[in-house]
Amino acid sequence: MKSLKIFIALLAISISAAKAQFVKAELQVSGLTCSMCSKATEKSLRTLPFIGDIKTDLNRNLFTITFKNTSPVDLEQMSKKVQGAGFAINQLKAFVDFDKLKVNNNMFSYSGDTFHILNAPAKGLDGEVAVTVVNKGFAPAATVKKYSTATDDKAGNGKSYHVII
């Protein structure tokens, strides 16, 4: 019984630590032509349980998203919501708190997914750092192609993301 309580306590600590690692994101969406398009996309994104707040810049087709620290962030769900609204992600820049993450061999894990840092600095990462996802569906085709030769095979059971600093 004691070992079960310890396991549950450790699980709760690891879950709460994982939830606070993604702080915010800048999501640039292509295909928005009017405020109605922007509102439809924003409304769709707001249904996700990890979205705290969204600020919209229609001139740059940019959504600045603040994440709740009570739920893990799921980038794939964000992509599906944007696509479901009839648009595509042009760029996703996530702000990650590296003080709460362990980076090994230019990779880190978050909520079951693996993130490969393709251009990690030699000095290491700490504090809040912006990372840009360069996977297909999160970046323009030219960007995906540029980094496709540097990408690794999938690691772990979750989704594998490739990011640049």
Protein backbone atom coordinates (compact mmCIF):
# COMPACT_ATOMS: atom_id res chain seq x y z
CA MET A 1 0.00 0.00 0.00
CA LYS A 2 2.85 2.36 0.84
CA SER A 3 4.50 1.73 -2.54
CA LEU A 4 1.19 2.49 -4.27
CA LYS A 5 0.96 5.86 -2.48
CA ILE A 6 4.54 6.68 -3.48
CA PHE A 7 3.83 5.72 -7.08
CA ILE A 8 0.71 7.90 -7.19
CA ALA A 9 2.60 10.84 -5.65
CA LEU A 10 5.42 10.51 -8.19
CA LEU A 11 2.96 10.22 -11.04
CA ALA A 12 1.12 13.36 -9.90
CA ILE A 13 4.40 15.28 -9.65
CA SER A 14 5.54 14.19 -13.11
CA ILE A 15 2.19 15.04 -14.67
CA SER A 16 2.05 18.50 -13.10
CA ALA A 17 5.63 19.23 -14.15
CA ALA A 18 4.95 18.14 -17.72
CA LYS A 19 1.92 20.38 -18.05
CA ALA A 20 3.75 23.63 -17.37
CA GLN A 21 6.57 23.19 -19.91
CA PHE A 22 4.82 24.71 -22.92
CA VAL A 23 4.00 28.29 -21.94
CA LYS A 24 2.55 29.89 -25.08
CA ALA A 25 2.63 29.69 -28.86
CA GLU A 26 2.44 31.89 -31.92
CA LEU A 27 0.36 30.16 -34.54
CA GLN A 28 0.40 31.65 -38.04
CA VAL A 29 -2.46 30.39 -40.18
CA SER A 30 -2.61 30.60 -43.98
CA GLY A 31 -5.80 31.16 -45.90
CA LEU A 32 -7.49 33.63 -43.55
CA THR A 33 -9.10 36.33 -45.66
CA CYS A 34 -11.49 38.04 -43.26
CA SER A 35 -12.40 38.44 -39.62
CA MET A 36 -15.04 35.69 -39.96
CA CYS A 37 -12.32 33.20 -40.97
CA SER A 38 -10.24 34.28 -38.01
CA LYS A 39 -13.18 33.98 -35.60
CA ALA A 40 -14.04 30.49 -36.89
CA THR A 41 -10.45 29.33 -36.33
CA GLU A 42 -10.27 30.95 -32.90
CA LYS A 43 -13.59 29.39 -31.87
CA SER A 44 -12.35 25.97 -32.96
CA LEU A 45 -9.06 26.33 -31.05
CA ARG A 46 -10.84 27.50 -27.88
CA THR A 47 -12.54 24.10 -27.59
CA LEU A 48 -9.20 22.50 -26.69
CA PRO A 49 -8.84 21.93 -22.92
CA PHE A 50 -5.25 23.22 -22.74
CA ILE A 51 -5.93 26.62 -24.37
CA GLY A 52 -6.05 29.44 -21.82
CA ASP A 53 -6.32 32.57 -23.95
CA ILE A 54 -6.02 33.57 -27.61
CA LYS A 55 -5.09 36.97 -29.00
CA THR A 56 -5.64 37.45 -32.73
CA ASP A 57 -3.66 39.64 -35.14
CA LEU A 58 -5.64 39.53 -38.38
CA ASN A 59 -3.06 41.64 -40.25
CA ARG A 60 -0.41 38.94 -39.76
CA ASN A 61 -2.83 35.96 -39.60
CA LEU A 62 -1.33 35.24 -36.19
CA PHE A 63 -2.86 33.73 -33.07
CA THR A 64 -0.93 34.21 -29.83
CA ILE A 65 -2.04 31.37 -27.60
CA THR A 66 -1.46 31.10 -23.87
CA PHE A 67 -1.65 27.58 -22.48
CA LYS A 68 -3.25 26.49 -19.22
CA ASN A 69 -0.81 24.83 -16.87
CA THR A 70 -3.40 22.25 -15.85
CA SER A 71 -3.48 20.22 -19.08
CA PRO A 72 -0.72 18.95 -21.37
CA VAL A 73 -0.46 20.71 -24.74
CA ASP A 74 -1.22 18.61 -27.82
CA LEU A 75 0.18 20.19 -31.00
CA GLU A 76 -1.50 17.59 -33.21
CA GLN A 77 -4.92 18.57 -31.83
CA MET A 78 -4.16 22.23 -32.59
CA SER A 79 -3.33 21.30 -36.17
CA LYS A 80 -6.54 19.29 -36.53
CA LYS A 81 -8.64 22.19 -35.21
CA VAL A 82 -7.08 24.63 -37.69
CA GLN A 83 -7.54 22.18 -40.57
CA GLY A 84 -11.10 21.44 -39.42
CA ALA A 85 -11.87 25.16 -39.70
CA GLY A 86 -10.70 24.97 -43.34
CA PHE A 87 -7.21 26.47 -43.02
CA ALA A 88 -3.57 25.40 -42.67
CA ILE A 89 -0.78 26.15 -40.24
CA ASN A 90 1.94 28.24 -41.86
CA GLN A 91 4.15 28.39 -38.77
CA LEU A 92 3.97 27.19 -35.18
CA LYS A 93 6.41 28.75 -32.74
CA ALA A 94 6.08 27.34 -29.23
CA PHE A 95 7.66 28.89 -26.16
CA VAL A 96 9.09 26.11 -24.00
CA ASP A 97 10.38 26.41 -20.43
CA PHE A 98 13.62 24.42 -20.58
CA ASP A 99 14.17 24.84 -16.84
CA LYS A 100 11.50 22.14 -16.46
CA LEU A 101 12.78 19.82 -19.20
CA LYS A 102 15.67 17.43 -19.54
CA VAL A 103 17.37 17.58 -22.95
CA ASN A 104 19.48 14.57 -24.00
CA ASN A 105 21.19 14.21 -27.38
CA ASN A 106 19.29 17.26 -28.67
CA MET A 107 15.95 15.63 -27.83
CA PHE A 108 13.33 16.09 -25.14
CA SER A 109 10.07 14.34 -24.33
CA TYR A 110 6.80 15.99 -23.48
CA SER A 111 3.47 14.29 -22.83
CA GLY A 112 4.57 11.11 -24.65
CA ASP A 113 5.89 12.95 -27.72
CA THR A 114 9.53 13.31 -28.72
CA PHE A 115 11.00 16.62 -29.89
CA HIS A 116 14.24 16.60 -31.91
CA ILE A 117 16.11 19.92 -31.78
CA LEU A 118 17.79 20.16 -35.18
CA ASN A 119 19.99 23.16 -34.43
CA ALA A 120 20.54 22.99 -30.67
CA PRO A 121 23.13 25.43 -29.33
CA ALA A 122 26.28 23.94 -27.83
CA LYS A 123 25.80 25.82 -24.56
CA GLY A 124 22.52 24.07 -23.78
CA LEU A 125 19.05 25.48 -23.21
CA ASP A 126 17.56 27.07 -20.14
CA GLY A 127 14.65 29.34 -19.39
CA GLU A 128 11.91 30.09 -21.87
CA VAL A 129 13.02 29.46 -25.47
CA ALA A 130 11.05 29.70 -28.71
CA VAL A 131 11.11 26.57 -30.85
CA THR A 132 9.60 26.38 -34.33
CA VAL A 133 8.06 23.10 -35.48
CA VAL A 134 9.28 22.12 -38.97
CA ASN A 135 7.16 19.00 -39.51
CA LYS A 136 4.79 18.67 -42.44
CA GLY A 137 1.49 20.30 -41.48
CA PHE A 138 3.21 22.82 -39.20
CA ALA A 139 5.48 24.65 -41.68
CA PRO A 140 5.56 25.59 -45.37
CA ALA A 141 6.69 22.87 -47.80
CA ALA A 142 10.01 24.64 -48.48
CA THR A 143 10.85 24.68 -44.76
CA VAL A 144 9.88 21.02 -44.34
CA LYS A 145 12.05 20.10 -47.33
CA LYS A 146 14.99 22.16 -46.02
CA TYR A 147 15.07 20.21 -42.76
CA SER A 148 13.92 16.82 -44.05
CA THR A 149 17.48 15.54 -44.47
CA ALA A 150 18.29 16.39 -40.84
CA THR A 151 15.34 14.56 -39.32
CA ASP A 152 15.59 11.32 -37.39
CA ASP A 153 13.27 8.37 -37.32
CA LYS A 154 10.47 8.30 -34.79
CA ALA A 155 11.54 7.71 -31.19
CA GLY A 156 9.20 6.45 -28.48
CA ASN A 157 5.49 5.74 -28.73
CA GLY A 158 4.15 9.26 -29.34
CA LYS A 159 4.45 11.69 -32.19
CA SER A 160 7.93 12.79 -33.27
CA TYR A 161 8.37 16.52 -33.86
CA HIS A 162 11.35 18.28 -35.37
CA VAL A 163 12.02 21.78 -34.07
CA ILE A 164 14.52 24.57 -34.64
CA ILE A 165 15.56 27.32 -32.28
